[in-house]
Structure formats: C-alpha cells, structure tokens
Amino acid sequence: MISLIIFLITFLITLLPICLWIIFIRWEDKSEPEPWKLIRRCFLLGIGSLFISSVFHFLFGVVFNLPFDLMGPISLSLIIVLISAGPIEEFIKYIFLRYSVYFKSEFNQVFDGVVYGIIIALGFSLFENIFYIFVINHDMESNLQFITAISYRAVYTTLLHILSTGIIGFYLGKAKFSSYNRNFTIAKGLIIGILLHSLFNVLTLLGMVGQILSIIMLILTLTFFVRQWSKMDSRMVWRYVSSK
C-alpha cells in the first residue's frame, strides 16, 4: 500500500501536466475562445470515456481469454495493445467528441476540434494515470522507481492521448468545414489517431530503446501537428456551417 506522502507526490506529478496543457490550449485559443461550459463538458466526457473503455477492455479480455495487464507473454501483450487499447479508447473518445460538440454553433473553426479533442484526452489521461498510481505501485521495488514510472506516464502517456485525440478532432474540424468527402476525412483522422496510439504502445513494450523511439515519435508528431493547427485555414472562423 502506498503511503499518503508518496500518493500526494505522484498525484501532483500527474495533475501538473494536465493543468499546464489546459493553460496552453486556452492560450492558443485566445482569439476565439471556446465557452467554459463546453470545456468542462468535454473534460467530464473524457473521464466517462475512460470508464466505458475499461468496460470494453474487460469484455474483450473475457471473450478472448486474455490477461488484463501487459505483464504476460509479449505475443499476448501485442494483441492487447494492437486490438484492444488504441482502437477501443480512440473510437470511444471520437464518439464522445463527435456527438457532444461537433454540431454546436461554437464549433466554428477547424482548430476547435483540436481544442475539444485535447480536453477530452486530458480528462481521460488524468484518471487513467491516477488509476495507474495504485496499479504500478505493486510492481515497484522502491519509491523512486515508482515516482519515475508515474512521471513517465504523466508526461508522455498524456502527450500520446493529446496527440491521438487532438488529431481526430483536427480532422473532424476539417470535415465540418468542407463539402467534399467528409466521411473519408473523419475516417482518416480516426485511423491516424488509432495507429499513433497503437504504435506508441507497441514501442513501449520493447524496453528502453522502444521507449526512446516512442518519445522521439511523439515529439516529431507534436511539432508537425502544431504547424498544422497554426495554419490560417485552421484558425478561420466560419459563421455559418452545415454539418449534415
């Protein structure tokens, strides 16, 4: 059982990146800020998507008789991260994003899809990392090792969720303000988000080298993604749109 002091330290480590990302995304959105009521709604939906994903993970494991962690044989772990983790989590976050804010009049920029997608990802990531505070602790030999593991999740796993769901939101925004092949654009964003998530999970199974490669992948993706959402057509405000 973790001590209260260690729990508070790891909780603050987990909470800090969430707060910094909210501040950052609100700063990026300052020219046409989204209403706080929708920001709060998306954050809560992100939390809800975690619990729904957990139910589907459980059912997936029961149906295919798989372990509920990644500590078993590498072949089973690959099945879990490729078929279960990325696709289930990103698809559920997409459903919440699509049917909570996509048709709102406040969603009037391509960048708004990024904002709402990132906020959903932050709600999901915060409570997933809090859950792992209790799970990881049982496998750690020291408090320092435990804090290091939680810090890695707080920074890089949070960034993974932000990028995966933010990309899905970006393509949702592109689809909303285009009259051409909207379903293809949405599917493209969903596939990219799922592949990014799944590739990160696979790399983390490959030890230290895989983790380093996963971090490099996230940094490069973030650099490219920020350039995309900073373009003029992503920040253009559409006063009237038809989302049918």
Protein backbone atom coordinates (compact mmCIF):
# COMPACT_ATOMS: atom_id res chain seq x y z
CA MET A 1 0.00 0.00 0.00
CA ILE A 2 1.40 3.40 -0.96
CA SER A 3 1.96 5.95 1.77
CA LEU A 4 -0.01 9.18 1.87
CA ILE A 5 3.08 11.29 1.12
CA ILE A 6 4.05 9.23 -1.93
CA PHE A 7 0.44 9.29 -3.13
CA LEU A 8 0.30 13.10 -2.85
CA ILE A 9 3.62 13.46 -4.68
CA THR A 10 2.56 11.22 -7.54
CA PHE A 11 -0.89 12.81 -7.68
CA LEU A 12 0.65 16.27 -8.05
CA ILE A 13 3.05 14.93 -10.70
CA THR A 14 0.04 13.52 -12.55
CA LEU A 15 -2.03 16.70 -12.18
CA LEU A 16 0.66 19.21 -13.21
CA PRO A 17 0.88 18.32 -16.95
CA ILE A 18 -2.93 18.36 -17.17
CA CYS A 19 -3.07 21.91 -15.77
CA LEU A 20 -0.21 23.09 -17.99
CA TRP A 21 -1.88 21.67 -21.11
CA ILE A 22 -5.19 23.33 -20.26
CA ILE A 23 -3.40 26.67 -19.82
CA PHE A 24 -1.51 26.13 -23.08
CA ILE A 25 -4.55 25.20 -25.16
CA ARG A 26 -6.57 28.10 -23.75
CA TRP A 27 -3.71 30.42 -24.68
CA GLU A 28 -3.62 29.00 -28.19
CA ASP A 29 -7.39 29.51 -28.43
CA LYS A 30 -7.40 33.08 -27.09
CA SER A 31 -8.51 34.72 -30.37
CA GLU A 32 -11.80 32.78 -30.43
CA PRO A 33 -12.03 31.04 -27.04
CA GLU A 34 -14.42 28.16 -26.52
CA PRO A 35 -17.01 28.54 -23.72
CA TRP A 36 -16.04 27.06 -20.39
CA LYS A 37 -19.27 25.08 -20.22
CA LEU A 38 -18.21 23.07 -23.27
CA ILE A 39 -14.65 22.75 -21.98
CA ARG A 40 -15.98 21.33 -18.70
CA ARG A 41 -18.37 19.04 -20.56
CA CYS A 42 -15.57 17.63 -22.72
CA PHE A 43 -13.31 17.10 -19.71
CA LEU A 44 -16.05 15.14 -17.94
CA LEU A 45 -16.76 13.19 -21.12
CA GLY A 46 -13.07 12.30 -21.23
CA ILE A 47 -13.38 10.83 -17.75
CA GLY A 48 -16.51 8.98 -18.84
CA SER A 49 -14.78 7.60 -21.92
CA LEU A 50 -12.13 6.07 -19.65
CA PHE A 51 -14.70 4.11 -17.69
CA ILE A 52 -16.54 2.98 -20.82
CA SER A 53 -13.23 1.94 -22.40
CA SER A 54 -12.44 -0.06 -19.26
CA VAL A 55 -15.72 -1.97 -19.63
CA PHE A 56 -14.90 -2.82 -23.25
CA HIS A 57 -11.35 -3.82 -22.30
CA PHE A 58 -12.81 -6.16 -19.70
CA LEU A 59 -15.29 -7.69 -22.15
CA PHE A 60 -12.56 -8.04 -24.77
CA GLY A 61 -10.38 -9.90 -22.29
CA VAL A 62 -13.23 -12.17 -21.21
CA VAL A 63 -14.27 -13.06 -24.77
CA PHE A 64 -10.71 -13.82 -25.93
CA ASN A 65 -9.46 -15.12 -22.57
CA LEU A 66 -6.68 -12.54 -22.37
CA PRO A 67 -4.89 -11.21 -19.26
CA PHE A 68 -5.90 -7.77 -18.02
CA ASP A 69 -2.38 -6.38 -17.86
CA LEU A 70 0.73 -6.25 -20.03
CA MET A 71 2.91 -8.42 -17.82
CA GLY A 72 2.29 -11.69 -19.68
CA PRO A 73 3.91 -13.10 -22.84
CA ILE A 74 4.89 -10.49 -25.44
CA SER A 75 2.54 -12.05 -28.01
CA LEU A 76 -0.48 -11.53 -25.76
CA SER A 77 0.66 -8.03 -24.89
CA LEU A 78 0.88 -7.15 -28.58
CA ILE A 79 -2.65 -8.42 -29.14
CA ILE A 80 -3.91 -6.30 -26.25
CA VAL A 81 -2.26 -3.06 -27.37
CA LEU A 82 -2.95 -3.51 -31.09
CA ILE A 83 -6.55 -4.70 -31.00
CA SER A 84 -7.83 -3.52 -27.65
CA ALA A 85 -6.12 -0.42 -26.25
CA GLY A 86 -5.69 2.03 -29.15
CA PRO A 87 -8.77 1.21 -31.25
CA ILE A 88 -11.20 0.98 -28.33
CA GLU A 89 -10.00 4.08 -26.50
CA GLU A 90 -9.70 6.35 -29.53
CA PHE A 91 -13.01 5.23 -31.04
CA ILE A 92 -14.89 5.91 -27.81
CA LYS A 93 -13.23 9.33 -27.45
CA TYR A 94 -14.17 10.03 -31.07
CA ILE A 95 -17.83 9.13 -30.38
CA PHE A 96 -17.92 11.46 -27.38
CA LEU A 97 -16.28 14.25 -29.36
CA ARG A 98 -18.47 13.80 -32.43
CA TYR A 99 -21.80 13.76 -30.63
CA SER A 100 -21.14 16.30 -27.88
CA VAL A 101 -19.72 19.36 -29.66
CA TYR A 102 -19.41 18.70 -33.41
CA PHE A 103 -22.85 20.12 -34.20
CA LYS A 104 -22.58 23.06 -31.79
CA SER A 105 -22.50 26.58 -33.25
CA GLU A 106 -19.49 27.29 -31.03
CA PHE A 107 -17.55 24.76 -33.09
CA ASN A 108 -16.78 27.29 -35.83
CA GLN A 109 -13.08 26.68 -36.55
CA VAL A 110 -11.06 23.65 -37.57
CA PHE A 111 -8.92 24.38 -34.52
CA ASP A 112 -11.97 23.98 -32.26
CA GLY A 113 -11.88 20.26 -32.99
CA VAL A 114 -8.31 20.22 -31.68
CA VAL A 115 -9.31 22.10 -28.53
CA TYR A 116 -12.22 19.83 -27.67
CA GLY A 117 -10.29 16.70 -28.61
CA ILE A 118 -7.39 17.66 -26.35
CA ILE A 119 -9.70 18.46 -23.43
CA ILE A 120 -11.39 15.04 -23.74
CA ALA A 121 -7.94 13.46 -23.86
CA LEU A 122 -6.89 15.31 -20.70
CA GLY A 123 -9.92 14.08 -18.76
CA PHE A 124 -9.22 10.54 -19.93
CA SER A 125 -5.49 10.73 -19.18
CA LEU A 126 -5.82 12.26 -15.72
CA PHE A 127 -7.97 9.49 -14.33
CA GLU A 128 -6.13 6.75 -16.22
CA ASN A 129 -2.88 7.91 -14.61
CA ILE A 130 -4.50 8.14 -11.17
CA PHE A 131 -5.64 4.54 -11.64
CA TYR A 132 -2.09 3.51 -12.54
CA ILE A 133 -0.78 5.10 -9.35
CA PHE A 134 -2.40 2.23 -7.48
CA VAL A 135 -1.68 -0.47 -10.10
CA ILE A 136 2.01 0.29 -10.79
CA ASN A 137 2.83 0.57 -7.09
CA HIS A 138 2.51 -3.19 -6.58
CA ASP A 139 5.30 -3.93 -9.07
CA MET A 140 7.81 -1.30 -7.94
CA GLU A 141 10.81 -2.07 -5.74
CA SER A 142 11.35 1.48 -4.48
CA ASN A 143 9.55 4.80 -4.14
CA LEU A 144 11.97 6.42 -6.60
CA GLN A 145 11.25 3.78 -9.23
CA PHE A 146 7.54 4.24 -8.60
CA ILE A 147 7.70 8.03 -8.94
CA THR A 148 9.79 7.69 -12.14
CA ALA A 149 7.21 5.35 -13.68
CA ILE A 150 4.33 7.69 -12.82
CA SER A 151 6.27 10.70 -14.12
CA TYR A 152 6.80 8.95 -17.46
CA ARG A 153 3.08 8.27 -17.74
CA ALA A 154 2.16 11.78 -16.63
CA VAL A 155 4.29 13.38 -19.34
CA TYR A 156 4.43 11.00 -22.28
CA THR A 157 1.24 8.97 -21.99
CA THR A 158 -0.68 12.21 -21.50
CA LEU A 159 1.03 13.61 -24.60
CA LEU A 160 0.07 10.46 -26.51
CA HIS A 161 -3.62 10.91 -25.67
CA ILE A 162 -3.45 14.60 -26.52
CA LEU A 163 -1.94 13.92 -29.94
CA SER A 164 -4.13 10.94 -30.81
CA THR A 165 -7.44 12.56 -29.89
CA GLY A 166 -6.30 16.02 -30.97
CA ILE A 167 -5.58 14.65 -34.45
CA ILE A 168 -9.04 13.06 -34.54
CA GLY A 169 -10.52 16.43 -33.56
CA PHE A 170 -8.43 18.20 -36.19
CA TYR A 171 -9.83 16.03 -38.96
CA LEU A 172 -13.34 16.39 -37.54
CA GLY A 173 -12.88 20.14 -37.89
CA LYS A 174 -11.60 19.78 -41.44
CA ALA A 175 -14.60 17.60 -42.29
CA LYS A 176 -17.13 20.01 -40.76
CA PHE A 177 -15.96 22.94 -42.89
CA SER A 178 -15.65 21.02 -46.13
CA SER A 179 -18.34 19.96 -48.55
CA TYR A 180 -16.17 17.23 -50.07
CA ASN A 181 -15.84 13.66 -48.80
CA ARG A 182 -16.45 14.39 -45.13
CA ASN A 183 -16.74 10.75 -44.06
CA PHE A 184 -13.36 9.96 -45.63
CA THR A 185 -11.75 12.90 -43.80
CA ILE A 186 -13.21 11.79 -40.46
CA ALA A 187 -12.15 8.19 -41.04
CA LYS A 188 -8.64 9.35 -41.96
CA GLY A 189 -8.26 11.23 -38.68
CA LEU A 190 -9.61 8.30 -36.68
CA ILE A 191 -7.22 5.84 -38.36
CA ILE A 192 -4.21 8.12 -37.83
CA GLY A 193 -5.12 8.61 -34.16
CA ILE A 194 -5.54 4.86 -33.61
CA LEU A 195 -2.29 3.99 -35.42
CA LEU A 196 -0.32 6.58 -33.43
CA HIS A 197 -1.75 5.25 -30.17
CA SER A 198 -1.11 1.61 -31.09
CA LEU A 199 2.44 2.24 -32.34
CA PHE A 200 3.32 4.06 -29.11
CA ASN A 201 2.00 1.13 -27.07
CA VAL A 202 3.97 -1.38 -29.12
CA LEU A 203 7.19 0.61 -28.80
CA THR A 204 6.84 0.83 -25.02
CA LEU A 205 6.84 -2.98 -24.90
CA LEU A 206 10.32 -3.10 -26.46
CA GLY A 207 12.28 -1.89 -23.45
CA MET A 208 14.43 1.22 -23.16
CA VAL A 209 15.14 1.52 -26.89
CA GLY A 210 11.45 1.30 -27.70
CA GLN A 211 10.60 3.93 -25.10
CA ILE A 212 13.20 6.31 -26.52
CA LEU A 213 11.80 5.77 -30.02
CA SER A 214 8.28 6.38 -28.75
CA ILE A 215 9.33 9.68 -27.20
CA ILE A 216 11.03 10.78 -30.43
CA MET A 217 7.88 9.82 -32.35
CA LEU A 218 5.68 11.91 -30.03
CA ILE A 219 7.95 14.95 -30.26
CA LEU A 220 8.06 14.81 -34.06
CA THR A 221 4.30 14.32 -34.25
CA LEU A 222 3.69 17.24 -31.90
CA THR A 223 5.97 19.51 -33.96
CA PHE A 224 4.17 18.62 -37.18
CA PHE A 225 0.73 18.81 -35.57
CA VAL A 226 1.28 22.29 -34.08
CA ARG A 227 2.32 23.57 -37.51
CA GLN A 228 -0.88 22.17 -38.99
CA TRP A 229 -3.22 23.69 -36.43
CA SER A 230 -1.42 27.05 -36.69
CA LYS A 231 -2.21 27.49 -40.37
CA MET A 232 -4.62 30.20 -41.42
CA ASP A 233 -7.29 27.82 -42.72
CA SER A 234 -7.33 26.03 -39.34
CA ARG A 235 -7.95 29.32 -37.49
CA MET A 236 -10.51 30.74 -39.92
CA VAL A 237 -13.87 31.42 -38.22
CA TRP A 238 -16.92 30.11 -40.02
CA ARG A 239 -20.05 31.99 -39.04
CA TYR A 240 -22.41 29.65 -40.85
CA VAL A 241 -21.78 25.98 -41.45
CA SER A 242 -23.85 22.98 -42.42
CA SER A 243 -22.72 19.78 -40.76
CA LYS A 244 -25.14 17.44 -42.49
